[in-house]
């Protein structure tokens, strides 16, 4: 069974978010029993194919399928990152916050 993890951050931390994806990929190769699946909404969603009015609604659907959420922010939390945080709280997800 895969453990899906959503990584939320503003665009200012996109490099750090990508590094976390790489870390999970390496962990999966070294420890195949972990089956960690970082959700990569940047590549999992086709741009321009949204059936919703807001692209963020499609991203939120991916968050809803995850067991854990990693929240990254540096100087401020962005509007959509805060929305993802509130959704994770509402759905009682395990949340890990990194400043």
C-alpha atoms as a PDB file:
ATOM      1  CA  UNK A   1       0.000   0.000   0.000  1.00  0.00           C
ATOM      2  CA  UNK A   2       1.340   3.418  -0.962  1.00  0.00           C
ATOM      3  CA  UNK A   3       1.474   6.233   1.554  1.00  0.00           C
ATOM      4  CA  UNK A   4       0.580   9.387  -0.343  1.00  0.00           C
ATOM      5  CA  UNK A   5       2.139  12.592   0.931  1.00  0.00           C
ATOM      6  CA  UNK A   6       1.159  16.037  -0.308  1.00  0.00           C
ATOM      7  CA  UNK A   7       3.810  18.757  -0.208  1.00  0.00           C
ATOM      8  CA  UNK A   8       2.353  22.253   0.038  1.00  0.00           C
ATOM      9  CA  UNK A   9       4.412  25.388  -0.436  1.00  0.00           C
ATOM     10  CA  UNK A  10       4.356  28.718  -2.149  1.00  0.00           C
ATOM     11  CA  UNK A  11       6.190  29.158  -5.419  1.00  0.00           C
ATOM     12  CA  UNK A  12       9.141  30.741  -3.587  1.00  0.00           C
ATOM     13  CA  UNK A  13       9.977  27.252  -2.269  1.00  0.00           C
ATOM     14  CA  UNK A  14       9.476  25.237  -5.445  1.00  0.00           C
ATOM     15  CA  UNK A  15      13.143  24.151  -5.417  1.00  0.00           C
ATOM     16  CA  UNK A  16      12.819  22.869  -1.853  1.00  0.00           C
ATOM     17  CA  UNK A  17       9.572  21.073  -2.743  1.00  0.00           C
ATOM     18  CA  UNK A  18      11.339  19.363  -5.645  1.00  0.00           C
ATOM     19  CA  UNK A  19      14.185  18.308  -3.327  1.00  0.00           C
ATOM     20  CA  UNK A  20      11.665  16.645  -1.009  1.00  0.00           C
ATOM     21  CA  UNK A  21      10.271  14.712  -3.974  1.00  0.00           C
ATOM     22  CA  UNK A  22      13.804  13.567  -4.776  1.00  0.00           C
ATOM     23  CA  UNK A  23      14.397  12.489  -1.172  1.00  0.00           C
ATOM     24  CA  UNK A  24      11.257  10.354  -1.182  1.00  0.00           C
ATOM     25  CA  UNK A  25      12.264   8.818  -4.515  1.00  0.00           C
ATOM     26  CA  UNK A  26      15.647   7.853  -3.024  1.00  0.00           C
ATOM     27  CA  UNK A  27      14.034   6.482   0.130  1.00  0.00           C
ATOM     28  CA  UNK A  28      11.753   4.290  -1.961  1.00  0.00           C
ATOM     29  CA  UNK A  29      14.728   2.888  -3.849  1.00  0.00           C
ATOM     30  CA  UNK A  30      16.650   2.132  -0.660  1.00  0.00           C
ATOM     31  CA  UNK A  31      13.681   0.921   1.397  1.00  0.00           C
ATOM     32  CA  UNK A  32      11.205  -0.635  -0.991  1.00  0.00           C
ATOM     33  CA  UNK A  33       8.866  -1.645   1.838  1.00  0.00           C
ATOM     34  CA  UNK A  34       8.059   2.041   2.570  1.00  0.00           C
ATOM     35  CA  UNK A  35       6.103   2.773  -0.626  1.00  0.00           C
ATOM     36  CA  UNK A  36       6.051   6.539  -0.131  1.00  0.00           C
ATOM     37  CA  UNK A  37       4.310   8.355  -2.953  1.00  0.00           C
ATOM     38  CA  UNK A  38       4.834  12.114  -2.981  1.00  0.00           C
ATOM     39  CA  UNK A  39       1.991  13.741  -4.873  1.00  0.00           C
ATOM     40  CA  UNK A  40       3.404  15.871  -7.656  1.00  0.00           C
ATOM     41  CA  UNK A  41       0.460  18.045  -8.597  1.00  0.00           C
ATOM     42  CA  UNK A  42       2.722  19.981 -10.961  1.00  0.00           C
ATOM     43  CA  UNK A  43       2.987  16.926 -13.199  1.00  0.00           C
ATOM     44  CA  UNK A  44      -0.086  14.942 -12.123  1.00  0.00           C
ATOM     45  CA  UNK A  45      -2.488  17.607 -13.377  1.00  0.00           C
ATOM     46  CA  UNK A  46      -2.694  18.588 -16.999  1.00  0.00           C
ATOM     47  CA  UNK A  47      -2.685  22.339 -17.368  1.00  0.00           C
ATOM     48  CA  UNK A  48      -5.693  23.613 -19.240  1.00  0.00           C
ATOM     49  CA  UNK A  49      -7.704  20.436 -18.656  1.00  0.00           C
ATOM     50  CA  UNK A  50      -9.408  21.569 -15.465  1.00  0.00           C
ATOM     51  CA  UNK A  51     -13.147  21.041 -15.273  1.00  0.00           C
ATOM     52  CA  UNK A  52     -13.323  23.317 -12.254  1.00  0.00           C
ATOM     53  CA  UNK A  53     -13.462  27.067 -12.291  1.00  0.00           C
ATOM     54  CA  UNK A  54     -10.295  27.229 -10.196  1.00  0.00           C
ATOM     55  CA  UNK A  55      -7.161  25.206 -10.824  1.00  0.00           C
ATOM     56  CA  UNK A  56      -6.660  25.068  -7.037  1.00  0.00           C
ATOM     57  CA  UNK A  57      -9.804  22.906  -6.734  1.00  0.00           C
ATOM     58  CA  UNK A  58      -8.059  20.218  -8.794  1.00  0.00           C
ATOM     59  CA  UNK A  59      -4.964  20.482  -6.605  1.00  0.00           C
ATOM     60  CA  UNK A  60      -7.137  20.150  -3.492  1.00  0.00           C
ATOM     61  CA  UNK A  61      -8.557  16.864  -4.826  1.00  0.00           C
ATOM     62  CA  UNK A  62      -5.029  15.464  -4.844  1.00  0.00           C
ATOM     63  CA  UNK A  63      -4.517  16.622  -1.261  1.00  0.00           C
ATOM     64  CA  UNK A  64      -7.735  14.879  -0.206  1.00  0.00           C
ATOM     65  CA  UNK A  65      -6.294  11.535  -1.366  1.00  0.00           C
ATOM     66  CA  UNK A  66      -3.199  11.881   0.828  1.00  0.00           C
ATOM     67  CA  UNK A  67      -2.630  10.658   4.370  1.00  0.00           C
ATOM     68  CA  UNK A  68      -0.009  13.259   5.278  1.00  0.00           C
ATOM     69  CA  UNK A  69       0.736  16.836   4.309  1.00  0.00           C
ATOM     70  CA  UNK A  70       4.099  18.558   4.483  1.00  0.00           C
ATOM     71  CA  UNK A  71       3.735  22.322   4.669  1.00  0.00           C
ATOM     72  CA  UNK A  72       6.734  24.496   3.798  1.00  0.00           C
ATOM     73  CA  UNK A  73       6.940  28.217   4.142  1.00  0.00           C
ATOM     74  CA  UNK A  74       9.697  30.757   4.483  1.00  0.00           C
ATOM     75  CA  UNK A  75       8.740  34.405   4.903  1.00  0.00           C
ATOM     76  CA  UNK A  76       4.979  34.034   4.572  1.00  0.00           C
ATOM     77  CA  UNK A  77       2.335  31.462   3.831  1.00  0.00           C
ATOM     78  CA  UNK A  78       0.703  31.965   0.463  1.00  0.00           C
ATOM     79  CA  UNK A  79      -3.035  32.192  -0.108  1.00  0.00           C
ATOM     80  CA  UNK A  80      -3.330  28.751  -1.713  1.00  0.00           C
ATOM     81  CA  UNK A  81      -0.859  27.107   0.662  1.00  0.00           C
ATOM     82  CA  UNK A  82      -2.991  28.396   3.539  1.00  0.00           C
ATOM     83  CA  UNK A  83      -6.070  26.967   1.815  1.00  0.00           C
ATOM     84  CA  UNK A  84      -4.320  23.593   1.565  1.00  0.00           C
ATOM     85  CA  UNK A  85      -3.375  23.817   5.235  1.00  0.00           C
ATOM     86  CA  UNK A  86      -6.980  24.533   6.271  1.00  0.00           C
ATOM     87  CA  UNK A  87      -8.252  21.653   4.128  1.00  0.00           C
ATOM     88  CA  UNK A  88      -5.718  19.283   5.707  1.00  0.00           C
ATOM     89  CA  UNK A  89      -6.826  20.401   9.186  1.00  0.00           C
ATOM     90  CA  UNK A  90     -10.479  19.961   8.309  1.00  0.00           C
ATOM     91  CA  UNK A  91      -9.834  16.418   7.073  1.00  0.00           C
ATOM     92  CA  UNK A  92      -7.663  15.495  10.082  1.00  0.00           C
ATOM     93  CA  UNK A  93      -4.557  14.817   8.006  1.00  0.00           C
ATOM     94  CA  UNK A  94      -1.193  14.442   9.675  1.00  0.00           C
ATOM     95  CA  UNK A  95       0.518  17.773   9.072  1.00  0.00           C
ATOM     96  CA  UNK A  96       4.242  18.452   9.253  1.00  0.00           C
ATOM     97  CA  UNK A  97       5.168  22.139   9.171  1.00  0.00           C
ATOM     98  CA  UNK A  98       8.642  23.338   8.238  1.00  0.00           C
ATOM     99  CA  UNK A  99       9.688  26.972   8.476  1.00  0.00           C
END
